[in-house]
Amino acid sequence: MGFKEKWKLMKRLDQSLLDQAALLGAHPTIESVYRLQSLADTHCTLKIRHRLTLGEVQTLSEFADPLEVAHQCRMVNGFAEDWPICALLDEMNAFERFPLTDAAASRPSGRLPKTRLKSEG
């Protein structure tokens, strides 16, 4: 797998979690704390337990907030430890629902070719 691509995605996942934590501010609600806890669990699972394929790394990297997108996929899949990210992205119409990075959005179709969405085994 492309180590550099995975490393970049991991840094973006870290930043996304930190950004979400910063949004809690001085007076968080119980709901916002629980949401952060759930995002933190998805973050930890992605970084430690889930074996990301190159296709998953490349596809998640196309989204402005890859942690939020991966978390939504995980919710759809019932919070399983291992989930088929690429298949779920297509099932959820993720490319229409979630903001893409500037580079991904500037492509004529605005989304990845289906061949890139297929999970690698």
N, C-alpha and C. Protein backbone atom coordinates (compact mmCIF):
# COMPACT_ATOMS: atom_id res chain seq x y z
N MET A 1 0.85 -1.18 0.00
CA MET A 1 0.00 0.00 0.00
C MET A 1 0.88 1.23 0.00
N GLY A 2 0.37 2.30 -0.56
CA GLY A 2 1.10 3.55 -0.59
C GLY A 2 1.20 4.15 0.82
N PHE A 3 2.37 3.99 1.43
CA PHE A 3 2.57 4.48 2.80
C PHE A 3 2.29 5.97 2.90
N LYS A 4 2.76 6.72 1.91
CA LYS A 4 2.59 8.17 1.95
C LYS A 4 1.10 8.55 1.92
N GLU A 5 0.32 7.88 1.08
CA GLU A 5 -1.12 8.15 0.99
C GLU A 5 -1.81 7.83 2.32
N LYS A 6 -1.46 6.68 2.90
CA LYS A 6 -2.08 6.28 4.17
C LYS A 6 -1.68 7.26 5.28
N TRP A 7 -0.43 7.66 5.31
CA TRP A 7 0.05 8.60 6.33
C TRP A 7 -0.71 9.93 6.23
N LYS A 8 -0.90 10.41 5.01
CA LYS A 8 -1.65 11.66 4.82
C LYS A 8 -3.09 11.53 5.31
N LEU A 9 -3.72 10.39 5.00
CA LEU A 9 -5.09 10.17 5.46
C LEU A 9 -5.14 10.11 6.98
N MET A 10 -4.20 9.44 7.60
CA MET A 10 -4.17 9.34 9.07
C MET A 10 -4.04 10.74 9.70
N LYS A 11 -3.24 11.58 9.12
CA LYS A 11 -3.09 12.95 9.63
C LYS A 11 -4.41 13.71 9.49
N ARG A 12 -5.10 13.51 8.38
CA ARG A 12 -6.40 14.18 8.18
C ARG A 12 -7.44 13.66 9.16
N LEU A 13 -7.42 12.34 9.43
CA LEU A 13 -8.33 11.77 10.42
C LEU A 13 -8.07 12.39 11.79
N ASP A 14 -6.79 12.52 12.15
CA ASP A 14 -6.42 13.15 13.43
C ASP A 14 -6.95 14.57 13.50
N GLN A 15 -6.73 15.34 12.44
CA GLN A 15 -7.15 16.74 12.44
C GLN A 15 -8.66 16.86 12.52
N SER A 16 -9.37 15.98 11.85
CA SER A 16 -10.83 15.99 11.90
C SER A 16 -11.32 15.77 13.33
N LEU A 17 -10.74 14.80 14.02
CA LEU A 17 -11.15 14.54 15.40
C LEU A 17 -10.83 15.73 16.30
N LEU A 18 -9.66 16.31 16.11
CA LEU A 18 -9.29 17.50 16.90
C LEU A 18 -10.23 18.67 16.61
N ASP A 19 -10.60 18.86 15.36
CA ASP A 19 -11.54 19.92 15.00
C ASP A 19 -12.89 19.71 15.66
N GLN A 20 -13.36 18.47 15.66
CA GLN A 20 -14.64 18.16 16.30
C GLN A 20 -14.57 18.39 17.80
N ALA A 21 -13.46 18.04 18.42
CA ALA A 21 -13.29 18.28 19.86
C ALA A 21 -13.28 19.77 20.17
N ALA A 22 -12.64 20.55 19.31
CA ALA A 22 -12.59 22.00 19.52
C ALA A 22 -13.97 22.63 19.43
N LEU A 23 -14.84 22.05 18.62
CA LEU A 23 -16.19 22.58 18.48
C LEU A 23 -17.02 22.43 19.75
N LEU A 24 -16.60 21.55 20.66
CA LEU A 24 -17.35 21.38 21.90
C LEU A 24 -17.33 22.65 22.75
N GLY A 25 -16.22 23.37 22.68
CA GLY A 25 -16.13 24.64 23.41
C GLY A 25 -16.16 24.45 24.92
N ALA A 26 -16.43 25.53 25.62
CA ALA A 26 -16.39 25.53 27.09
C ALA A 26 -17.63 24.90 27.72
N HIS A 27 -18.73 24.86 26.97
CA HIS A 27 -19.98 24.35 27.53
C HIS A 27 -20.61 23.31 26.62
N PRO A 28 -20.01 22.12 26.55
CA PRO A 28 -20.55 21.09 25.67
C PRO A 28 -21.86 20.52 26.21
N THR A 29 -22.65 19.98 25.32
CA THR A 29 -23.86 19.27 25.72
C THR A 29 -23.53 17.78 25.84
N ILE A 30 -24.38 17.07 26.53
CA ILE A 30 -24.19 15.62 26.64
C ILE A 30 -24.23 14.99 25.25
N GLU A 31 -25.16 15.45 24.43
CA GLU A 31 -25.28 14.93 23.07
C GLU A 31 -23.99 15.13 22.28
N SER A 32 -23.39 16.31 22.38
CA SER A 32 -22.16 16.58 21.63
C SER A 32 -20.99 15.75 22.17
N VAL A 33 -20.96 15.51 23.46
CA VAL A 33 -19.91 14.67 24.04
C VAL A 33 -20.07 13.23 23.54
N TYR A 34 -21.29 12.72 23.53
CA TYR A 34 -21.52 11.36 23.02
C TYR A 34 -21.15 11.25 21.55
N ARG A 35 -21.48 12.27 20.78
CA ARG A 35 -21.12 12.26 19.35
C ARG A 35 -19.60 12.22 19.19
N LEU A 36 -18.91 13.01 19.99
CA LEU A 36 -17.45 13.02 19.93
C LEU A 36 -16.89 11.65 20.34
N GLN A 37 -17.49 11.04 21.35
CA GLN A 37 -17.06 9.72 21.79
C GLN A 37 -17.21 8.71 20.65
N SER A 38 -18.32 8.78 19.94
CA SER A 38 -18.56 7.87 18.83
C SER A 38 -17.57 8.11 17.69
N LEU A 39 -17.32 9.39 17.38
CA LEU A 39 -16.32 9.71 16.35
C LEU A 39 -14.92 9.24 16.77
N ALA A 40 -14.60 9.41 18.06
CA ALA A 40 -13.30 8.98 18.56
C ALA A 40 -13.15 7.46 18.44
N ASP A 41 -14.23 6.74 18.66
CA ASP A 41 -14.19 5.29 18.52
C ASP A 41 -13.95 4.90 17.06
N THR A 42 -14.62 5.57 16.14
CA THR A 42 -14.39 5.31 14.72
C THR A 42 -12.95 5.66 14.35
N HIS A 43 -12.46 6.78 14.84
CA HIS A 43 -11.08 7.19 14.58
C HIS A 43 -10.10 6.12 15.04
N CYS A 44 -10.28 5.65 16.27
CA CYS A 44 -9.40 4.63 16.84
C CYS A 44 -9.49 3.33 16.04
N THR A 45 -10.69 2.95 15.67
CA THR A 45 -10.88 1.73 14.89
C THR A 45 -10.17 1.82 13.54
N LEU A 46 -10.31 2.96 12.87
CA LEU A 46 -9.65 3.14 11.57
C LEU A 46 -8.14 3.09 11.70
N LYS A 47 -7.62 3.69 12.75
CA LYS A 47 -6.16 3.78 12.89
C LYS A 47 -5.52 2.52 13.44
N ILE A 48 -6.27 1.76 14.25
CA ILE A 48 -5.64 0.64 14.94
C ILE A 48 -6.15 -0.73 14.50
N ARG A 49 -7.46 -0.86 14.32
CA ARG A 49 -8.02 -2.20 14.09
C ARG A 49 -8.43 -2.48 12.65
N HIS A 50 -9.00 -1.52 11.97
CA HIS A 50 -9.48 -1.74 10.60
C HIS A 50 -8.29 -1.78 9.64
N ARG A 51 -8.24 -2.78 8.82
CA ARG A 51 -7.16 -2.89 7.84
C ARG A 51 -7.58 -2.16 6.57
N LEU A 52 -7.20 -0.90 6.48
CA LEU A 52 -7.55 -0.08 5.32
C LEU A 52 -6.86 -0.60 4.07
N THR A 53 -7.64 -0.75 3.02
CA THR A 53 -7.07 -1.12 1.73
C THR A 53 -6.62 0.15 1.03
N LEU A 54 -5.83 0.00 0.00
CA LEU A 54 -5.40 1.16 -0.78
C LEU A 54 -6.62 1.87 -1.38
N GLY A 55 -7.59 1.10 -1.86
CA GLY A 55 -8.80 1.70 -2.41
C GLY A 55 -9.55 2.52 -1.38
N GLU A 56 -9.63 2.03 -0.16
CA GLU A 56 -10.31 2.78 0.91
C GLU A 56 -9.55 4.06 1.25
N VAL A 57 -8.23 3.96 1.31
CA VAL A 57 -7.40 5.14 1.60
C VAL A 57 -7.61 6.19 0.52
N GLN A 58 -7.52 5.77 -0.74
CA GLN A 58 -7.67 6.71 -1.84
C GLN A 58 -9.07 7.32 -1.87
N THR A 59 -10.08 6.50 -1.65
CA THR A 59 -11.45 6.98 -1.72
C THR A 59 -11.77 7.92 -0.56
N LEU A 60 -11.44 7.54 0.67
CA LEU A 60 -11.69 8.42 1.82
C LEU A 60 -10.94 9.73 1.68
N SER A 61 -9.78 9.70 1.06
CA SER A 61 -8.97 10.91 0.89
C SER A 61 -9.64 11.92 -0.03
N GLU A 62 -10.62 11.49 -0.80
CA GLU A 62 -11.32 12.38 -1.71
C GLU A 62 -12.32 13.29 -0.98
N PHE A 63 -12.66 12.96 0.26
CA PHE A 63 -13.66 13.72 1.00
C PHE A 63 -13.02 14.80 1.86
N ALA A 64 -13.72 15.91 2.00
CA ALA A 64 -13.22 17.02 2.82
C ALA A 64 -13.04 16.58 4.27
N ASP A 65 -13.95 15.74 4.79
CA ASP A 65 -13.84 15.24 6.16
C ASP A 65 -13.94 13.71 6.13
N PRO A 66 -12.81 13.04 5.92
CA PRO A 66 -12.84 11.59 5.78
C PRO A 66 -13.32 10.87 7.04
N LEU A 67 -13.09 11.45 8.22
CA LEU A 67 -13.55 10.80 9.45
C LEU A 67 -15.07 10.79 9.51
N GLU A 68 -15.70 11.90 9.20
CA GLU A 68 -17.16 11.96 9.22
C GLU A 68 -17.75 10.97 8.23
N VAL A 69 -17.18 10.88 7.05
CA VAL A 69 -17.68 9.98 6.02
C VAL A 69 -17.51 8.53 6.47
N ALA A 70 -16.33 8.18 6.99
CA ALA A 70 -16.09 6.82 7.48
C ALA A 70 -17.03 6.50 8.64
N HIS A 71 -17.28 7.47 9.50
CA HIS A 71 -18.18 7.28 10.64
C HIS A 71 -19.61 7.00 10.16
N GLN A 72 -20.06 7.74 9.16
CA GLN A 72 -21.40 7.51 8.62
C GLN A 72 -21.49 6.11 8.00
N CYS A 73 -20.43 5.69 7.31
CA CYS A 73 -20.39 4.32 6.76
C CYS A 73 -20.50 3.30 7.88
N ARG A 74 -19.77 3.53 8.93
CA ARG A 74 -19.77 2.60 10.06
C ARG A 74 -21.14 2.54 10.72
N MET A 75 -21.81 3.68 10.83
CA MET A 75 -23.16 3.71 11.41
C MET A 75 -24.12 2.88 10.55
N VAL A 76 -24.03 3.04 9.23
CA VAL A 76 -24.89 2.30 8.31
C VAL A 76 -24.65 0.80 8.47
N ASN A 77 -23.43 0.42 8.79
CA ASN A 77 -23.05 -0.99 8.91
C ASN A 77 -23.19 -1.51 10.35
N GLY A 78 -23.85 -0.77 11.21
CA GLY A 78 -24.10 -1.25 12.57
C GLY A 78 -22.89 -1.24 13.49
N PHE A 79 -21.94 -0.37 13.23
CA PHE A 79 -20.75 -0.21 14.06
C PHE A 79 -19.90 -1.47 14.18
N ALA A 80 -19.87 -2.27 13.15
CA ALA A 80 -19.01 -3.45 13.13
C ALA A 80 -17.55 -3.01 13.15
N GLU A 81 -16.69 -3.86 13.67
CA GLU A 81 -15.26 -3.54 13.74
C GLU A 81 -14.66 -3.40 12.34
N ASP A 82 -15.13 -4.22 11.42
CA ASP A 82 -14.64 -4.19 10.05
C ASP A 82 -15.83 -3.94 9.14
N TRP A 83 -15.72 -2.99 8.27
CA TRP A 83 -16.85 -2.67 7.41
C TRP A 83 -16.35 -2.33 6.02
N PRO A 84 -17.16 -2.66 5.00
CA PRO A 84 -16.75 -2.45 3.60
C PRO A 84 -16.95 -0.99 3.19
N ILE A 85 -15.99 -0.17 3.48
CA ILE A 85 -16.11 1.28 3.29
C ILE A 85 -16.49 1.64 1.85
N CYS A 86 -15.78 1.13 0.90
CA CYS A 86 -16.04 1.52 -0.50
C CYS A 86 -17.44 1.13 -0.95
N ALA A 87 -17.88 -0.07 -0.60
CA ALA A 87 -19.22 -0.51 -0.98
C ALA A 87 -20.28 0.36 -0.31
N LEU A 88 -20.07 0.70 0.94
CA LEU A 88 -21.03 1.52 1.67
C LEU A 88 -21.07 2.95 1.13
N LEU A 89 -19.95 3.48 0.72
CA LEU A 89 -19.92 4.83 0.15
C LEU A 89 -20.84 4.91 -1.06
N ASP A 90 -20.76 3.91 -1.89
CA ASP A 90 -21.60 3.89 -3.09
C ASP A 90 -23.07 3.71 -2.70
N GLU A 91 -23.33 2.79 -1.77
CA GLU A 91 -24.70 2.54 -1.30
C GLU A 91 -25.34 3.79 -0.68
N MET A 92 -24.54 4.58 0.02
CA MET A 92 -25.04 5.77 0.71
C MET A 92 -25.08 7.01 -0.17
N ASN A 93 -24.65 6.88 -1.42
CA ASN A 93 -24.53 8.05 -2.30
C ASN A 93 -23.64 9.12 -1.66
N ALA A 94 -22.54 8.68 -1.08
CA ALA A 94 -21.66 9.57 -0.32
C ALA A 94 -21.11 10.71 -1.16
N PHE A 95 -20.87 10.46 -2.44
CA PHE A 95 -20.28 11.51 -3.27
C PHE A 95 -21.26 12.65 -3.55
N GLU A 96 -22.52 12.38 -3.35
CA GLU A 96 -23.53 13.44 -3.48
C GLU A 96 -23.86 14.07 -2.13
N ARG A 97 -23.64 13.35 -1.05
CA ARG A 97 -24.04 13.80 0.29
C ARG A 97 -22.97 14.57 1.05
N PHE A 98 -21.69 14.28 0.81
CA PHE A 98 -20.62 14.86 1.61
C PHE A 98 -19.70 15.70 0.75
N PRO A 99 -19.19 16.80 1.31
CA PRO A 99 -18.26 17.65 0.55
C PRO A 99 -16.98 16.90 0.20
N LEU A 100 -16.50 17.17 -1.01
CA LEU A 100 -15.24 16.59 -1.48
C LEU A 100 -14.11 17.60 -1.30
N THR A 101 -12.88 17.11 -1.39
CA THR A 101 -11.74 18.02 -1.39
C THR A 101 -11.83 18.87 -2.65
N ASP A 102 -11.11 19.96 -2.68
CA ASP A 102 -11.12 20.82 -3.87
C ASP A 102 -10.65 20.06 -5.11
N ALA A 103 -9.63 19.21 -4.94
CA ALA A 103 -9.09 18.45 -6.08
C ALA A 103 -10.14 17.48 -6.61
N ALA A 104 -10.84 16.80 -5.72
CA ALA A 104 -11.86 15.84 -6.15
C ALA A 104 -13.05 16.55 -6.78
N ALA A 105 -13.43 17.67 -6.22
CA ALA A 105 -14.59 18.40 -6.74
C ALA A 105 -14.33 19.01 -8.10
N SER A 106 -13.05 19.27 -8.43
CA SER A 106 -12.73 19.90 -9.70
C SER A 106 -12.70 18.92 -10.87
N ARG A 107 -12.77 17.62 -10.59
CA ARG A 107 -12.85 16.63 -11.67
C ARG A 107 -14.18 16.81 -12.39
N PRO A 108 -14.22 16.58 -13.68
CA PRO A 108 -15.46 16.79 -14.44
C PRO A 108 -16.68 16.09 -13.84
N SER A 109 -16.53 14.85 -13.42
CA SER A 109 -17.68 14.13 -12.88
C SER A 109 -17.86 14.40 -11.39
N GLY A 110 -16.83 14.93 -10.72
CA GLY A 110 -16.93 15.21 -9.30
C GLY A 110 -16.86 13.99 -8.41
N ARG A 111 -16.58 12.82 -9.00
CA ARG A 111 -16.47 11.63 -8.17
C ARG A 111 -15.50 10.64 -8.79
N LEU A 112 -15.12 9.67 -8.02
CA LEU A 112 -14.17 8.67 -8.47
C LEU A 112 -14.82 7.68 -9.43
N PRO A 113 -14.02 7.15 -10.33
CA PRO A 113 -14.55 6.08 -11.18
C PRO A 113 -14.95 4.88 -10.31
N LYS A 114 -15.96 4.13 -10.73
CA LYS A 114 -16.43 2.98 -9.95
C LYS A 114 -15.32 2.00 -9.67
N THR A 115 -14.35 1.86 -10.55
CA THR A 115 -13.27 0.91 -10.32
C THR A 115 -12.46 1.30 -9.10
N ARG A 116 -12.37 2.57 -8.76
CA ARG A 116 -11.65 3.00 -7.57
C ARG A 116 -12.47 2.75 -6.32
N LEU A 117 -13.80 2.64 -6.47
CA LEU A 117 -14.65 2.42 -5.31
C LEU A 117 -14.62 0.98 -4.82
N LYS A 118 -14.19 0.08 -5.66
CA LYS A 118 -14.18 -1.31 -5.25
C LYS A 118 -13.11 -1.53 -4.20
N SER A 119 -13.49 -2.19 -3.15
CA SER A 119 -12.57 -2.48 -2.05
C SER A 119 -11.56 -3.53 -2.51
N GLU A 120 -10.33 -3.33 -2.11
CA GLU A 120 -9.30 -4.30 -2.45
C GLU A 120 -9.17 -5.29 -1.30
N GLY A 121 -8.93 -6.53 -1.61
CA GLY A 121 -8.89 -7.54 -0.58
C GLY A 121 -7.60 -8.03 -0.27
